[in-house]
Amino acid sequence: MLFHVKAQHDNVTCEGARRAKGEDVAPTVETERWLEGNDKVKVLTALGYISEHRYYAIVESDNYSDVNLLMQGHVFNGSVEILPCLDMMERRKGRGEWGK
């Protein structure tokens, strides 16, 4: 199952901004580990809209709970939206309509 993830924080909760100010924040090797996914969630693509402190991702997983756990670190910094998605291209191909 595919999920669209949007994680939003602001300049106050931004780990990068806090790190730049000298605050004690975990290093990016830890805070951005979610980009690699895990054994239950495959991250297909991840995009950053840095000037708005926003991440987008398309991930694949068997269930919502595993995606929620992967994104748990973002919940403490701002809102996280996880939406189930339908692969419209695969659907069209499955109906034999692709290229017609």
PDB file of N, CA and C in Angstrom:
ATOM      1  N   MET A   1       0.839  -1.162   0.000  1.00  0.00           N
ATOM      2  CA  MET A   1       0.000   0.000   0.000  1.00  0.00           C
ATOM      3  C   MET A   1       0.898   1.243   0.000  1.00  0.00           C
ATOM      4  N   LEU A   2       0.499   2.245  -0.776  1.00  0.00           N
ATOM      5  CA  LEU A   2       1.257   3.491  -0.853  1.00  0.00           C
ATOM      6  C   LEU A   2       0.665   4.536   0.087  1.00  0.00           C
ATOM      7  N   PHE A   3       1.554   5.363   0.631  1.00  0.00           N
ATOM      8  CA  PHE A   3       1.138   6.464   1.493  1.00  0.00           C
ATOM      9  C   PHE A   3       1.876   7.729   1.080  1.00  0.00           C
ATOM     10  N   HIS A   4       1.159   8.847   1.102  1.00  0.00           N
ATOM     11  CA  HIS A   4       1.767  10.163   0.909  1.00  0.00           C
ATOM     12  C   HIS A   4       1.947  10.757   2.305  1.00  0.00           C
ATOM     13  N   VAL A   5       3.168  11.172   2.605  1.00  0.00           N
ATOM     14  CA  VAL A   5       3.475  11.727   3.922  1.00  0.00           C
ATOM     15  C   VAL A   5       3.875  13.191   3.764  1.00  0.00           C
ATOM     16  N   LYS A   6       3.316  14.029   4.610  1.00  0.00           N
ATOM     17  CA  LYS A   6       3.741  15.431   4.679  1.00  0.00           C
ATOM     18  C   LYS A   6       4.065  15.728   6.136  1.00  0.00           C
ATOM     19  N   ALA A   7       5.295  16.157   6.386  1.00  0.00           N
ATOM     20  CA  ALA A   7       5.716  16.524   7.740  1.00  0.00           C
ATOM     21  C   ALA A   7       6.068  18.004   7.736  1.00  0.00           C
ATOM     22  N   GLN A   8       5.447  18.750   8.621  1.00  0.00           N
ATOM     23  CA  GLN A   8       5.608  20.205   8.678  1.00  0.00           C
ATOM     24  C   GLN A   8       6.103  20.608  10.063  1.00  0.00           C
ATOM     25  N   HIS A   9       7.137  21.429  10.102  1.00  0.00           N
ATOM     26  CA  HIS A   9       7.554  22.051  11.358  1.00  0.00           C
ATOM     27  C   HIS A   9       7.737  23.541  11.085  1.00  0.00           C
ATOM     28  N   ASP A  10       8.282  24.281  12.021  1.00  0.00           N
ATOM     29  CA  ASP A  10       8.505  25.711  11.791  1.00  0.00           C
ATOM     30  C   ASP A  10       9.920  26.096  12.202  1.00  0.00           C
ATOM     31  N   ASN A  11      10.232  27.383  12.109  1.00  0.00           N
ATOM     32  CA  ASN A  11      11.589  27.826  12.403  1.00  0.00           C
ATOM     33  C   ASN A  11      11.958  27.649  13.873  1.00  0.00           C
ATOM     34  N   VAL A  12      10.984  27.561  14.753  1.00  0.00           N
ATOM     35  CA  VAL A  12      11.258  27.374  16.175  1.00  0.00           C
ATOM     36  C   VAL A  12      11.586  25.918  16.487  1.00  0.00           C
ATOM     37  N   THR A  13      10.868  24.986  15.871  1.00  0.00           N
ATOM     38  CA  THR A  13      11.091  23.565  16.147  1.00  0.00           C
ATOM     39  C   THR A  13      12.062  22.914  15.168  1.00  0.00           C
ATOM     40  N   CYS A  14      12.525  23.655  14.172  1.00  0.00           N
ATOM     41  CA  CYS A  14      13.432  23.121  13.151  1.00  0.00           C
ATOM     42  C   CYS A  14      14.742  22.645  13.780  1.00  0.00           C
ATOM     43  N   GLU A  15      15.035  21.368  13.614  1.00  0.00           N
ATOM     44  CA  GLU A  15      16.262  20.816  14.187  1.00  0.00           C
ATOM     45  C   GLU A  15      17.504  21.439  13.564  1.00  0.00           C
ATOM     46  N   GLY A  16      17.453  21.740  12.268  1.00  0.00           N
ATOM     47  CA  GLY A  16      18.591  22.375  11.604  1.00  0.00           C
ATOM     48  C   GLY A  16      18.857  23.770  12.147  1.00  0.00           C
ATOM     49  N   ALA A  17      17.800  24.554  12.327  1.00  0.00           N
ATOM     50  CA  ALA A  17      17.948  25.906  12.875  1.00  0.00           C
ATOM     51  C   ALA A  17      18.431  25.848  14.319  1.00  0.00           C
ATOM     52  N   ARG A  18      17.885  24.935  15.087  1.00  0.00           N
ATOM     53  CA  ARG A  18      18.296  24.786  16.487  1.00  0.00           C
ATOM     54  C   ARG A  18      19.751  24.346  16.577  1.00  0.00           C
ATOM     55  N   ARG A  19      20.148  23.443  15.686  1.00  0.00           N
ATOM     56  CA  ARG A  19      21.537  22.980  15.642  1.00  0.00           C
ATOM     57  C   ARG A  19      22.469  24.153  15.315  1.00  0.00           C
ATOM     58  N   ALA A  20      22.061  24.985  14.344  1.00  0.00           N
ATOM     59  CA  ALA A  20      22.868  26.139  13.932  1.00  0.00           C
ATOM     60  C   ALA A  20      23.022  27.161  15.062  1.00  0.00           C
ATOM     61  N   LYS A  21      22.043  27.231  15.956  1.00  0.00           N
ATOM     62  CA  LYS A  21      22.107  28.150  17.101  1.00  0.00           C
ATOM     63  C   LYS A  21      22.919  27.574  18.256  1.00  0.00           C
ATOM     64  N   GLY A  22      23.406  26.342  18.084  1.00  0.00           N
ATOM     65  CA  GLY A  22      24.216  25.725  19.126  1.00  0.00           C
ATOM     66  C   GLY A  22      23.431  24.928  20.147  1.00  0.00           C
ATOM     67  N   GLU A  23      22.141  24.734  19.908  1.00  0.00           N
ATOM     68  CA  GLU A  23      21.328  23.942  20.837  1.00  0.00           C
ATOM     69  C   GLU A  23      21.702  22.468  20.740  1.00  0.00           C
ATOM     70  N   ASP A  24      21.422  21.746  21.798  1.00  0.00           N
ATOM     71  CA  ASP A  24      21.728  20.319  21.844  1.00  0.00           C
ATOM     72  C   ASP A  24      20.640  19.546  21.096  1.00  0.00           C
ATOM     73  N   VAL A  25      20.934  19.207  19.851  1.00  0.00           N
ATOM     74  CA  VAL A  25      19.998  18.480  18.990  1.00  0.00           C
ATOM     75  C   VAL A  25      20.733  17.271  18.424  1.00  0.00           C
ATOM     76  N   ALA A  26      20.026  16.171  18.300  1.00  0.00           N
ATOM     77  CA  ALA A  26      20.634  14.964  17.720  1.00  0.00           C
ATOM     78  C   ALA A  26      21.190  15.280  16.330  1.00  0.00           C
ATOM     79  N   PRO A  27      22.279  14.627  15.937  1.00  0.00           N
ATOM     80  CA  PRO A  27      22.862  14.876  14.612  1.00  0.00           C
ATOM     81  C   PRO A  27      21.950  14.376  13.489  1.00  0.00           C
ATOM     82  N   THR A  28      22.148  14.930  12.290  1.00  0.00           N
ATOM     83  CA  THR A  28      21.304  14.553  11.154  1.00  0.00           C
ATOM     84  C   THR A  28      21.400  13.073  10.826  1.00  0.00           C
ATOM     85  N   VAL A  29      22.520  12.438  11.149  1.00  0.00           N
ATOM     86  CA  VAL A  29      22.630  11.002  10.892  1.00  0.00           C
ATOM     87  C   VAL A  29      21.524  10.241  11.629  1.00  0.00           C
ATOM     88  N   GLU A  30      21.042  10.806  12.730  1.00  0.00           N
ATOM     89  CA  GLU A  30      19.935  10.203  13.477  1.00  0.00           C
ATOM     90  C   GLU A  30      18.579  10.778  13.058  1.00  0.00           C
ATOM     91  N   THR A  31      18.485  12.109  12.966  1.00  0.00           N
ATOM     92  CA  THR A  31      17.181  12.735  12.719  1.00  0.00           C
ATOM     93  C   THR A  31      16.668  12.504  11.302  1.00  0.00           C
ATOM     94  N   GLU A  32      17.559  12.209  10.375  1.00  0.00           N
ATOM     95  CA  GLU A  32      17.125  11.949   8.998  1.00  0.00           C
ATOM     96  C   GLU A  32      17.187  10.464   8.629  1.00  0.00           C
ATOM     97  N   ARG A  33      17.307   9.614   9.631  1.00  0.00           N
ATOM     98  CA  ARG A  33      17.355   8.169   9.389  1.00  0.00           C
ATOM     99  C   ARG A  33      16.078   7.658   8.722  1.00  0.00           C
ATOM    100  N   TRP A  34      14.964   8.331   8.979  1.00  0.00           N
ATOM    101  CA  TRP A  34      13.683   7.917   8.389  1.00  0.00           C
ATOM    102  C   TRP A  34      13.750   7.857   6.872  1.00  0.00           C
ATOM    103  N   LEU A  35      14.645   8.670   6.261  1.00  0.00           N
ATOM    104  CA  LEU A  35      14.776   8.692   4.799  1.00  0.00           C
ATOM    105  C   LEU A  35      15.132   7.324   4.223  1.00  0.00           C
ATOM    106  N   GLU A  36      15.776   6.493   5.017  1.00  0.00           N
ATOM    107  CA  GLU A  36      16.187   5.161   4.566  1.00  0.00           C
ATOM    108  C   GLU A  36      15.094   4.116   4.754  1.00  0.00           C
ATOM    109  N   GLY A  37      14.014   4.485   5.444  1.00  0.00           N
ATOM    110  CA  GLY A  37      12.961   3.518   5.721  1.00  0.00           C
ATOM    111  C   GLY A  37      13.445   2.489   6.726  1.00  0.00           C
ATOM    112  N   ASN A  38      12.764   1.352   6.744  1.00  0.00           N
ATOM    113  CA  ASN A  38      13.162   0.246   7.620  1.00  0.00           C
ATOM    114  C   ASN A  38      12.614  -1.049   7.031  1.00  0.00           C
ATOM    115  N   ASP A  39      12.626  -2.115   7.812  1.00  0.00           N
ATOM    116  CA  ASP A  39      12.181  -3.404   7.272  1.00  0.00           C
ATOM    117  C   ASP A  39      10.677  -3.455   7.011  1.00  0.00           C
ATOM    118  N   LYS A  40       9.914  -2.486   7.510  1.00  0.00           N
ATOM    119  CA  LYS A  40       8.463  -2.482   7.307  1.00  0.00           C
ATOM    120  C   LYS A  40       7.961  -1.349   6.421  1.00  0.00           C
ATOM    121  N   VAL A  41       8.815  -0.351   6.181  1.00  0.00           N
ATOM    122  CA  VAL A  41       8.420   0.803   5.364  1.00  0.00           C
ATOM    123  C   VAL A  41       9.527   1.101   4.363  1.00  0.00           C
ATOM    124  N   LYS A  42       9.163   1.104   3.088  1.00  0.00           N
ATOM    125  CA  LYS A  42      10.112   1.444   2.027  1.00  0.00           C
ATOM    126  C   LYS A  42       9.825   2.876   1.580  1.00  0.00           C
ATOM    127  N   VAL A  43      10.826   3.742   1.690  1.00  0.00           N
ATOM    128  CA  VAL A  43      10.685   5.122   1.236  1.00  0.00           C
ATOM    129  C   VAL A  43      11.007   5.148  -0.254  1.00  0.00           C
ATOM    130  N   LEU A  44      10.011   5.451  -1.077  1.00  0.00           N
ATOM    131  CA  LEU A  44      10.190   5.465  -2.529  1.00  0.00           C
ATOM    132  C   LEU A  44      10.780   6.782  -3.008  1.00  0.00           C
ATOM    133  N   THR A  45      10.346   7.874  -2.409  1.00  0.00           N
ATOM    134  CA  THR A  45      10.930   9.190  -2.700  1.00  0.00           C
ATOM    135  C   THR A  45      10.682  10.096  -1.505  1.00  0.00           C
ATOM    136  N   ALA A  46      11.612  11.003  -1.283  1.00  0.00           N
ATOM    137  CA  ALA A  46      11.471  11.983  -0.204  1.00  0.00           C
ATOM    138  C   ALA A  46      11.969  13.322  -0.725  1.00  0.00           C
ATOM    139  N   LEU A  47      11.173  14.342  -0.504  1.00  0.00           N
ATOM    140  CA  LEU A  47      11.475  15.673  -1.017  1.00  0.00           C
ATOM    141  C   LEU A  47      11.391  16.688   0.113  1.00  0.00           C
ATOM    142  N   GLY A  48      12.232  17.696   0.050  1.00  0.00           N
ATOM    143  CA  GLY A  48      12.194  18.748   1.053  1.00  0.00           C
ATOM    144  C   GLY A  48      11.873  20.090   0.431  1.00  0.00           C
ATOM    145  N   TYR A  49      10.954  20.794   1.034  1.00  0.00           N
ATOM    146  CA  TYR A  49      10.652  22.176   0.667  1.00  0.00           C
ATOM    147  C   TYR A  49      11.197  22.999   1.831  1.00  0.00           C
ATOM    148  N   ILE A  50      12.511  23.167   1.809  1.00  0.00           N
ATOM    149  CA  ILE A  50      13.256  23.642   2.964  1.00  0.00           C
ATOM    150  C   ILE A  50      12.823  25.029   3.435  1.00  0.00           C
ATOM    151  N   SER A  51      12.554  25.950   2.516  1.00  0.00           N
ATOM    152  CA  SER A  51      12.184  27.306   2.939  1.00  0.00           C
ATOM    153  C   SER A  51      10.859  27.346   3.696  1.00  0.00           C
ATOM    154  N   GLU A  52      10.053  26.314   3.553  1.00  0.00           N
ATOM    155  CA  GLU A  52       8.790  26.213   4.291  1.00  0.00           C
ATOM    156  C   GLU A  52       8.855  25.169   5.403  1.00  0.00           C
ATOM    157  N   HIS A  53      10.042  24.600   5.642  1.00  0.00           N
ATOM    158  CA  HIS A  53      10.230  23.606   6.708  1.00  0.00           C
ATOM    159  C   HIS A  53       9.262  22.429   6.540  1.00  0.00           C
ATOM    160  N   ARG A  54       9.220  21.892   5.330  1.00  0.00           N
ATOM    161  CA  ARG A  54       8.257  20.840   5.010  1.00  0.00           C
ATOM    162  C   ARG A  54       8.941  19.697   4.266  1.00  0.00           C
ATOM    163  N   TYR A  55       8.595  18.472   4.630  1.00  0.00           N
ATOM    164  CA  TYR A  55       9.047  17.272   3.925  1.00  0.00           C
ATOM    165  C   TYR A  55       7.843  16.592   3.287  1.00  0.00           C
ATOM    166  N   TYR A  56       8.077  16.012   2.129  1.00  0.00           N
ATOM    167  CA  TYR A  56       7.080  15.165   1.468  1.00  0.00           C
ATOM    168  C   TYR A  56       7.732  13.819   1.195  1.00  0.00           C
ATOM    169  N   ALA A  57       6.953  12.758   1.254  1.00  0.00           N
ATOM    170  CA  ALA A  57       7.488  11.443   0.921  1.00  0.00           C
ATOM    171  C   ALA A  57       6.374  10.561   0.379  1.00  0.00           C
ATOM    172  N   ILE A  58       6.757   9.647  -0.486  1.00  0.00           N
ATOM    173  CA  ILE A  58       5.880   8.556  -0.902  1.00  0.00           C
ATOM    174  C   ILE A  58       6.538   7.302  -0.354  1.00  0.00           C
ATOM    175  N   VAL A  59       5.778   6.567   0.437  1.00  0.00           N
ATOM    176  CA  VAL A  59       6.316   5.360   1.061  1.00  0.00           C
ATOM    177  C   VAL A  59       5.397   4.179   0.777  1.00  0.00           C
ATOM    178  N   GLU A  60       5.955   2.998   0.914  1.00  0.00           N
ATOM    179  CA  GLU A  60       5.190   1.771   0.709  1.00  0.00           C
ATOM    180  C   GLU A  60       5.267   0.938   1.981  1.00  0.00           C
ATOM    181  N   SER A  61       4.111   0.475   2.442  1.00  0.00           N
ATOM    182  CA  SER A  61       4.051  -0.322   3.659  1.00  0.00           C
ATOM    183  C   SER A  61       2.760  -1.127   3.673  1.00  0.00           C
ATOM    184  N   ASP A  62       2.741  -2.169   4.475  1.00  0.00           N
ATOM    185  CA  ASP A  62       1.532  -2.980   4.604  1.00  0.00           C
ATOM    186  C   ASP A  62       0.470  -2.303   5.463  1.00  0.00           C
ATOM    187  N   ASN A  63       0.896  -1.376   6.337  1.00  0.00           N
ATOM    188  CA  ASN A  63      -0.105  -0.734   7.182  1.00  0.00           C
ATOM    189  C   ASN A  63       0.315   0.654   7.650  1.00  0.00           C
ATOM    190  N   TYR A  64      -0.665   1.412   8.029  1.00  0.00           N
ATOM    191  CA  TYR A  64      -0.498   2.790   8.486  1.00  0.00           C
ATOM    192  C   TYR A  64       0.374   2.872   9.733  1.00  0.00           C
ATOM    193  N   SER A  65       0.181   1.958  10.663  1.00  0.00           N
ATOM    194  CA  SER A  65       0.895   2.014  11.941  1.00  0.00           C
ATOM    195  C   SER A  65       2.406   2.011  11.767  1.00  0.00           C
ATOM    196  N   ASP A  66       2.895   1.218  10.827  1.00  0.00           N
ATOM    197  CA  ASP A  66       4.339   1.168  10.602  1.00  0.00           C
ATOM    198  C   ASP A  66       4.865   2.489  10.042  1.00  0.00           C
ATOM    199  N   VAL A  67       4.090   3.129   9.180  1.00  0.00           N
ATOM    200  CA  VAL A  67       4.477   4.442   8.649  1.00  0.00           C
ATOM    201  C   VAL A  67       4.459   5.468   9.781  1.00  0.00           C
ATOM    202  N   ASN A  68       3.440   5.421  10.603  1.00  0.00           N
ATOM    203  CA  ASN A  68       3.335   6.329  11.738  1.00  0.00           C
ATOM    204  C   ASN A  68       4.548   6.191  12.659  1.00  0.00           C
ATOM    205  N   LEU A  69       4.958   4.979  12.936  1.00  0.00           N
ATOM    206  CA  LEU A  69       6.128   4.759  13.790  1.00  0.00           C
ATOM    207  C   LEU A  69       7.399   5.311  13.154  1.00  0.00           C
ATOM    208  N   LEU A  70       7.545   5.138  11.841  1.00  0.00           N
ATOM    209  CA  LEU A  70       8.721   5.661  11.147  1.00  0.00           C
ATOM    210  C   LEU A  70       8.794   7.183  11.276  1.00  0.00           C
ATOM    211  N   MET A  71       7.654   7.845  11.233  1.00  0.00           N
ATOM    212  CA  MET A  71       7.609   9.308  11.249  1.00  0.00           C
ATOM    213  C   MET A  71       7.456   9.888  12.654  1.00  0.00           C
ATOM    214  N   GLN A  72       7.508   9.061  13.663  1.00  0.00           N
ATOM    215  CA  GLN A  72       7.252   9.494  15.038  1.00  0.00           C
ATOM    216  C   GLN A  72       8.106  10.683  15.472  1.00  0.00           C
ATOM    217  N   GLY A  73       9.356  10.745  15.050  1.00  0.00           N
ATOM    218  CA  GLY A  73      10.223  11.858  15.432  1.00  0.00           C
ATOM    219  C   GLY A  73       9.731  13.202  14.948  1.00  0.00           C
ATOM    220  N   HIS A  74       8.991  13.223  13.859  1.00  0.00           N
ATOM    221  CA  HIS A  74       8.470  14.479  13.317  1.00  0.00           C
ATOM    222  C   HIS A  74       7.247  14.980  14.078  1.00  0.00           C
ATOM    223  N   VAL A  75       6.531  14.082  14.701  1.00  0.00           N
ATOM    224  CA  VAL A  75       5.302  14.449  15.412  1.00  0.00           C
ATOM    225  C   VAL A  75       5.594  15.454  16.527  1.00  0.00           C
ATOM    226  N   PHE A  76       6.766  15.362  17.127  1.00  0.00           N
ATOM    227  CA  PHE A  76       7.112  16.254  18.233  1.00  0.00           C
ATOM    228  C   PHE A  76       7.542  17.644  17.760  1.00  0.00           C
ATOM    229  N   ASN A  77       7.788  17.805  16.464  1.00  0.00           N
ATOM    230  CA  ASN A  77       8.230  19.087  15.917  1.00  0.00           C
ATOM    231  C   ASN A  77       7.143  19.824  15.134  1.00  0.00           C
ATOM    232  N   GLY A  78       6.070  19.140  14.801  1.00  0.00           N
ATOM    233  CA  GLY A  78       5.001  19.758  14.014  1.00  0.00           C
ATOM    234  C   GLY A  78       4.004  18.712  13.560  1.00  0.00           C
ATOM    235  N   SER A  79       3.189  19.080  12.605  1.00  0.00           N
ATOM    236  CA  SER A  79       2.151  18.159  12.139  1.00  0.00           C
ATOM    237  C   SER A  79       2.702  17.167  11.118  1.00  0.00           C
ATOM    238  N   VAL A  80       2.136  15.974  11.139  1.00  0.00           N
ATOM    239  CA  VAL A  80       2.472  14.929  10.177  1.00  0.00           C
ATOM    240  C   VAL A  80       1.169  14.389   9.610  1.00  0.00           C
ATOM    241  N   GLU A  81       1.059  14.393   8.295  1.00  0.00           N
ATOM    242  CA  GLU A  81      -0.128  13.888   7.606  1.00  0.00           C
ATOM    243  C   GLU A  81       0.281  12.644   6.829  1.00  0.00           C
ATOM    244  N   ILE A  82      -0.424  11.539   7.053  1.00  0.00           N
ATOM    245  CA  ILE A  82      -0.147  10.277   6.365  1.00  0.00           C
ATOM    246  C   ILE A  82      -1.428   9.849   5.660  1.00  0.00           C
ATOM    247  N   LEU A  83      -1.394   9.864   4.326  1.00  0.00           N
ATOM    248  CA  LEU A  83      -2.590   9.563   3.538  1.00  0.00           C
ATOM    249  C   LEU A  83      -2.387   8.317   2.685  1.00  0.00           C
ATOM    250  N   PRO A  84      -3.322   7.364   2.732  1.00  0.00           N
ATOM    251  CA  PRO A  84      -3.231   6.226   1.817  1.00  0.00           C
ATOM    252  C   PRO A  84      -3.484   6.695   0.390  1.00  0.00           C
ATOM    253  N   CYS A  85      -2.757   6.126  -0.549  1.00  0.00           N
ATOM    254  CA  CYS A  85      -2.849   6.552  -1.950  1.00  0.00           C
ATOM    255  C   CYS A  85      -3.055   5.361  -2.873  1.00  0.00           C
ATOM    256  N   LEU A  86      -3.654   5.635  -4.002  1.00  0.00           N
ATOM    257  CA  LEU A  86      -3.834   4.653  -5.061  1.00  0.00           C
ATOM    258  C   LEU A  86      -2.849   4.983  -6.175  1.00  0.00           C
ATOM    259  N   ASP A  87      -2.100   4.009  -6.637  1.00  0.00           N
ATOM    260  CA  ASP A  87      -1.165   4.204  -7.746  1.00  0.00           C
ATOM    261  C   ASP A  87      -1.975   4.248  -9.035  1.00  0.00           C
ATOM    262  N   MET A  88      -2.268   5.444  -9.500  1.00  0.00           N
ATOM    263  CA  MET A  88      -3.131   5.624 -10.666  1.00  0.00           C
ATOM    264  C   MET A  88      -2.484   5.115 -11.951  1.00  0.00           C
ATOM    265  N   MET A  89      -1.164   5.217 -12.059  1.00  0.00           N
ATOM    266  CA  MET A  89      -0.485   4.708 -13.255  1.00  0.00           C
ATOM    267  C   MET A  89      -0.584   3.181 -13.307  1.00  0.00           C
ATOM    268  N   GLU A  90      -0.352   2.533 -12.174  1.00  0.00           N
ATOM    269  CA  GLU A  90      -0.457   1.074 -12.114  1.00  0.00           C
ATOM    270  C   GLU A  90      -1.890   0.634 -12.403  1.00  0.00           C
ATOM    271  N   ARG A  91      -2.836   1.387 -11.903  1.00  0.00           N
ATOM    272  CA  ARG A  91      -4.250   1.082 -12.142  1.00  0.00           C
ATOM    273  C   ARG A  91      -4.564   1.140 -13.638  1.00  0.00           C
ATOM    274  N   ARG A  92      -4.091   2.186 -14.313  1.00  0.00           N
ATOM    275  CA  ARG A  92      -4.335   2.331 -15.753  1.00  0.00           C
ATOM    276  C   ARG A  92      -3.670   1.197 -16.525  1.00  0.00           C
ATOM    277  N   LYS A  93      -2.446   0.863 -16.150  1.00  0.00           N
ATOM    278  CA  LYS A  93      -1.739  -0.247 -16.805  1.00  0.00           C
ATOM    279  C   LYS A  93      -2.483  -1.557 -16.580  1.00  0.00           C
ATOM    280  N   GLY A  94      -2.984  -1.758 -15.351  1.00  0.00           N
ATOM    281  CA  GLY A  94      -3.708  -2.976 -15.016  1.00  0.00           C
ATOM    282  C   GLY A  94      -4.989  -3.152 -15.809  1.00  0.00           C
ATOM    283  N   ARG A  95      -5.584  -2.053 -16.233  1.00  0.00           N
ATOM    284  CA  ARG A  95      -6.803  -2.111 -17.048  1.00  0.00           C
ATOM    285  C   ARG A  95      -6.489  -2.234 -18.533  1.00  0.00           C
ATOM    286  N   GLY A  96      -5.180  -2.248 -18.866  1.00  0.00           N
ATOM    287  CA  GLY A  96      -4.787  -2.363 -20.265  1.00  0.00           C
ATOM    288  C   GLY A  96      -4.963  -1.080 -21.059  1.00  0.00           C
ATOM    289  N   GLU A  97      -5.041   0.050 -20.380  1.00  0.00           N
ATOM    290  CA  GLU A  97      -5.275   1.334 -21.047  1.00  0.00           C
ATOM    291  C   GLU A  97      -3.999   2.143 -21.263  1.00  0.00           C
ATOM    292  N   TRP A  98      -2.886   1.678 -20.724  1.00  0.00           N
ATOM    293  CA  TRP A  98      -1.636   2.441 -20.814  1.00  0.00           C
ATOM    294  C   TRP A  98      -1.174   2.539 -22.261  1.00  0.00           C
ATOM    295  N   GLY A  99      -0.877   3.747 -22.714  1.00  0.00           N
ATOM    296  CA  GLY A  99      -0.375   3.967 -24.065  1.00  0.00           C
ATOM    297  C   GLY A  99      -1.454   4.038 -25.131  1.00  0.00           C
ATOM    298  N   LYS A 100      -2.700   4.025 -24.728  1.00  0.00           N
ATOM    299  CA  LYS A 100      -3.798   4.065 -25.703  1.00  0.00           C
ATOM    300  C   LYS A 100      -4.494   5.400 -25.674  1.00  0.00           C
TER     301      LYS A 100
END
